[in-house]
Amino acid sequence: MLERMINNKIIVIWDAEAGVWAVIKSDIPGLCAEAETLPELETYLLELIPEMLYLNAHLLPSEDYKKENLMTYLHEGWGGS
């Protein structure tokens, strides 16, 4: 597992017209998601974020994001407490 946490900022808003919570800004390249409730969005993001980090690791500055490091981290469990 990575020795330090990877912190990413994600900003979500309630889109009343569409009736969903939507990611409007993120420092994770390619991240785009929406859901009807915040808990649904959280669940979806916990599945989507590791995939987006892995697929876009070449766009990220830190060594933590290199594919071999992410594979170890994801294999051992994303977001485990």
N, C-alpha and C. Protein backbone atom coordinates (compact mmCIF):
# COMPACT_ATOMS: atom_id res chain seq x y z
N MET A 1 0.84 -1.18 0.00
CA MET A 1 0.00 0.00 0.00
C MET A 1 0.88 1.24 0.00
N LEU A 2 0.40 2.31 -0.59
CA LEU A 2 1.19 3.54 -0.61
C LEU A 2 1.46 4.00 0.80
N GLU A 3 2.64 4.57 0.99
CA GLU A 3 3.04 5.00 2.32
C GLU A 3 2.32 6.26 2.77
N ARG A 4 1.83 7.04 1.82
CA ARG A 4 1.09 8.25 2.20
C ARG A 4 -0.20 8.31 1.40
N MET A 5 -1.13 9.05 1.93
CA MET A 5 -2.44 9.15 1.29
C MET A 5 -2.33 10.03 0.04
N ILE A 6 -3.10 9.69 -0.95
CA ILE A 6 -3.23 10.52 -2.14
C ILE A 6 -4.47 11.38 -1.94
N ASN A 7 -4.29 12.68 -1.92
CA ASN A 7 -5.42 13.58 -1.71
C ASN A 7 -5.82 14.21 -3.03
N ASN A 8 -7.09 14.16 -3.32
CA ASN A 8 -7.63 14.77 -4.52
C ASN A 8 -8.83 15.62 -4.14
N LYS A 9 -8.97 16.76 -4.82
CA LYS A 9 -10.11 17.63 -4.56
C LYS A 9 -11.18 17.37 -5.61
N ILE A 10 -12.41 17.22 -5.13
CA ILE A 10 -13.55 17.03 -6.01
C ILE A 10 -14.65 17.97 -5.52
N ILE A 11 -15.17 18.77 -6.42
CA ILE A 11 -16.25 19.69 -6.08
C ILE A 11 -17.52 19.22 -6.76
N VAL A 12 -18.58 19.07 -5.97
CA VAL A 12 -19.87 18.65 -6.52
C VAL A 12 -20.93 19.70 -6.21
N ILE A 13 -21.93 19.76 -7.08
CA ILE A 13 -23.05 20.68 -6.85
C ILE A 13 -24.36 19.93 -7.08
N TRP A 14 -25.44 20.49 -6.56
CA TRP A 14 -26.77 19.97 -6.83
C TRP A 14 -27.26 20.69 -8.09
N ASP A 15 -27.57 19.94 -9.12
CA ASP A 15 -28.12 20.48 -10.36
C ASP A 15 -29.62 20.27 -10.30
N ALA A 16 -30.33 21.31 -9.87
CA ALA A 16 -31.78 21.21 -9.68
C ALA A 16 -32.51 20.90 -10.98
N GLU A 17 -32.05 21.46 -12.06
CA GLU A 17 -32.71 21.22 -13.35
C GLU A 17 -32.64 19.74 -13.75
N ALA A 18 -31.48 19.14 -13.57
CA ALA A 18 -31.31 17.72 -13.92
C ALA A 18 -31.72 16.78 -12.78
N GLY A 19 -31.80 17.34 -11.56
CA GLY A 19 -32.16 16.53 -10.40
C GLY A 19 -31.07 15.57 -9.97
N VAL A 20 -29.81 16.02 -10.09
CA VAL A 20 -28.68 15.16 -9.72
C VAL A 20 -27.58 15.97 -9.03
N TRP A 21 -26.76 15.26 -8.27
CA TRP A 21 -25.51 15.79 -7.77
C TRP A 21 -24.47 15.51 -8.85
N ALA A 22 -23.67 16.51 -9.19
CA ALA A 22 -22.71 16.35 -10.28
C ALA A 22 -21.33 16.88 -9.89
N VAL A 23 -20.30 16.18 -10.33
CA VAL A 23 -18.93 16.65 -10.16
C VAL A 23 -18.74 17.79 -11.16
N ILE A 24 -18.34 18.97 -10.64
CA ILE A 24 -18.12 20.10 -11.54
C ILE A 24 -16.64 20.45 -11.68
N LYS A 25 -15.84 19.98 -10.72
CA LYS A 25 -14.41 20.26 -10.78
C LYS A 25 -13.67 19.18 -10.00
N SER A 26 -12.54 18.78 -10.56
CA SER A 26 -11.74 17.75 -9.92
C SER A 26 -10.31 17.85 -10.43
N ASP A 27 -9.36 17.48 -9.58
CA ASP A 27 -7.98 17.43 -10.05
C ASP A 27 -7.61 16.03 -10.56
N ILE A 28 -8.62 15.20 -10.77
CA ILE A 28 -8.43 13.88 -11.36
C ILE A 28 -8.83 13.98 -12.83
N PRO A 29 -7.86 13.88 -13.74
CA PRO A 29 -8.18 14.02 -15.16
C PRO A 29 -9.25 13.02 -15.61
N GLY A 30 -10.23 13.53 -16.32
CA GLY A 30 -11.27 12.69 -16.89
C GLY A 30 -12.42 12.36 -15.98
N LEU A 31 -12.38 12.80 -14.72
CA LEU A 31 -13.44 12.45 -13.78
C LEU A 31 -14.70 13.25 -14.08
N CYS A 32 -15.77 12.54 -14.33
CA CYS A 32 -17.07 13.13 -14.62
C CYS A 32 -18.11 12.16 -14.08
N ALA A 33 -18.96 12.63 -13.18
CA ALA A 33 -19.94 11.73 -12.58
C ALA A 33 -21.13 12.51 -12.06
N GLU A 34 -22.26 11.81 -11.99
CA GLU A 34 -23.46 12.39 -11.39
C GLU A 34 -24.32 11.27 -10.83
N ALA A 35 -25.16 11.63 -9.84
CA ALA A 35 -26.07 10.66 -9.23
C ALA A 35 -27.21 11.42 -8.57
N GLU A 36 -28.28 10.71 -8.32
CA GLU A 36 -29.46 11.35 -7.74
C GLU A 36 -29.29 11.72 -6.28
N THR A 37 -28.44 11.00 -5.55
CA THR A 37 -28.20 11.31 -4.15
C THR A 37 -26.70 11.38 -3.89
N LEU A 38 -26.32 12.06 -2.81
CA LEU A 38 -24.90 12.13 -2.45
C LEU A 38 -24.34 10.75 -2.10
N PRO A 39 -25.07 9.92 -1.34
CA PRO A 39 -24.52 8.58 -1.07
C PRO A 39 -24.30 7.76 -2.35
N GLU A 40 -25.20 7.88 -3.33
CA GLU A 40 -25.01 7.18 -4.60
C GLU A 40 -23.78 7.72 -5.33
N LEU A 41 -23.59 9.04 -5.29
CA LEU A 41 -22.44 9.63 -5.95
C LEU A 41 -21.15 9.17 -5.28
N GLU A 42 -21.15 9.14 -3.96
CA GLU A 42 -19.97 8.66 -3.21
C GLU A 42 -19.61 7.24 -3.61
N THR A 43 -20.60 6.37 -3.65
CA THR A 43 -20.38 4.98 -4.02
C THR A 43 -19.81 4.88 -5.42
N TYR A 44 -20.40 5.63 -6.33
CA TYR A 44 -19.94 5.63 -7.72
C TYR A 44 -18.50 6.14 -7.82
N LEU A 45 -18.20 7.22 -7.10
CA LEU A 45 -16.86 7.80 -7.14
C LEU A 45 -15.82 6.84 -6.57
N LEU A 46 -16.17 6.10 -5.53
CA LEU A 46 -15.23 5.14 -4.96
C LEU A 46 -14.87 4.05 -5.97
N GLU A 47 -15.77 3.76 -6.89
CA GLU A 47 -15.47 2.80 -7.96
C GLU A 47 -14.73 3.47 -9.11
N LEU A 48 -15.12 4.69 -9.43
CA LEU A 48 -14.61 5.37 -10.62
C LEU A 48 -13.22 5.99 -10.43
N ILE A 49 -12.96 6.56 -9.27
CA ILE A 49 -11.70 7.28 -9.04
C ILE A 49 -10.47 6.40 -9.26
N PRO A 50 -10.41 5.20 -8.70
CA PRO A 50 -9.22 4.38 -8.95
C PRO A 50 -9.00 4.11 -10.44
N GLU A 51 -10.09 3.85 -11.15
CA GLU A 51 -9.98 3.60 -12.58
C GLU A 51 -9.46 4.82 -13.33
N MET A 52 -9.99 6.00 -13.00
CA MET A 52 -9.55 7.23 -13.66
C MET A 52 -8.10 7.55 -13.34
N LEU A 53 -7.70 7.32 -12.09
CA LEU A 53 -6.29 7.54 -11.72
C LEU A 53 -5.38 6.61 -12.49
N TYR A 54 -5.78 5.36 -12.61
CA TYR A 54 -4.95 4.39 -13.33
C TYR A 54 -4.87 4.75 -14.82
N LEU A 55 -6.01 5.02 -15.43
CA LEU A 55 -6.04 5.30 -16.86
C LEU A 55 -5.31 6.60 -17.22
N ASN A 56 -5.30 7.55 -16.29
CA ASN A 56 -4.72 8.86 -16.56
C ASN A 56 -3.46 9.14 -15.76
N ALA A 57 -2.81 8.11 -15.27
CA ALA A 57 -1.61 8.28 -14.44
C ALA A 57 -0.54 9.09 -15.15
N HIS A 58 -0.45 8.96 -16.45
CA HIS A 58 0.56 9.69 -17.22
C HIS A 58 0.31 11.20 -17.22
N LEU A 59 -0.87 11.63 -16.83
CA LEU A 59 -1.19 13.06 -16.79
C LEU A 59 -0.97 13.68 -15.41
N LEU A 60 -0.62 12.87 -14.44
CA LEU A 60 -0.50 13.32 -13.06
C LEU A 60 0.97 13.50 -12.68
N PRO A 61 1.26 14.50 -11.83
CA PRO A 61 2.64 14.86 -11.53
C PRO A 61 3.39 13.97 -10.54
N SER A 62 2.72 13.35 -9.63
CA SER A 62 3.38 12.67 -8.52
C SER A 62 3.78 11.23 -8.86
N GLU A 63 4.86 10.78 -8.25
CA GLU A 63 5.29 9.38 -8.38
C GLU A 63 4.23 8.44 -7.82
N ASP A 64 3.43 8.92 -6.86
CA ASP A 64 2.38 8.09 -6.28
C ASP A 64 1.40 7.61 -7.33
N TYR A 65 1.28 8.37 -8.41
CA TYR A 65 0.30 8.06 -9.43
C TYR A 65 0.85 7.18 -10.55
N LYS A 66 2.10 6.79 -10.48
CA LYS A 66 2.64 5.92 -11.51
C LYS A 66 1.87 4.60 -11.49
N LYS A 67 1.62 4.04 -12.65
CA LYS A 67 0.75 2.88 -12.76
C LYS A 67 1.16 1.72 -11.84
N GLU A 68 2.44 1.46 -11.71
CA GLU A 68 2.85 0.34 -10.86
C GLU A 68 2.50 0.60 -9.40
N ASN A 69 2.61 1.84 -8.94
CA ASN A 69 2.23 2.17 -7.57
C ASN A 69 0.72 2.08 -7.38
N LEU A 70 -0.03 2.57 -8.35
CA LEU A 70 -1.48 2.51 -8.26
C LEU A 70 -1.98 1.08 -8.28
N MET A 71 -1.37 0.22 -9.08
CA MET A 71 -1.80 -1.17 -9.13
C MET A 71 -1.63 -1.84 -7.78
N THR A 72 -0.53 -1.57 -7.10
CA THR A 72 -0.31 -2.14 -5.77
C THR A 72 -1.37 -1.60 -4.82
N TYR A 73 -1.58 -0.31 -4.87
CA TYR A 73 -2.55 0.33 -3.98
C TYR A 73 -3.96 -0.19 -4.23
N LEU A 74 -4.37 -0.26 -5.49
CA LEU A 74 -5.71 -0.70 -5.82
C LEU A 74 -5.90 -2.18 -5.50
N HIS A 75 -4.87 -2.97 -5.70
CA HIS A 75 -4.94 -4.41 -5.40
C HIS A 75 -5.16 -4.64 -3.91
N GLU A 76 -4.53 -3.81 -3.09
CA GLU A 76 -4.64 -3.99 -1.64
C GLU A 76 -5.89 -3.37 -1.06
N GLY A 77 -6.62 -2.62 -1.86
CA GLY A 77 -7.87 -2.04 -1.38
C GLY A 77 -7.89 -0.55 -1.40
N TRP A 78 -8.76 -0.01 -2.20
CA TRP A 78 -8.93 1.43 -2.32
C TRP A 78 -9.75 1.96 -1.16
N GLY A 79 -9.26 3.00 -0.51
CA GLY A 79 -10.04 3.68 0.51
C GLY A 79 -10.30 2.87 1.76
N GLY A 80 -9.51 1.85 1.99
CA GLY A 80 -9.72 1.04 3.19
C GLY A 80 -9.48 1.82 4.47
N SER A 81 -10.22 1.48 5.50
CA SER A 81 -10.05 2.20 6.76
C SER A 81 -9.22 1.41 7.73
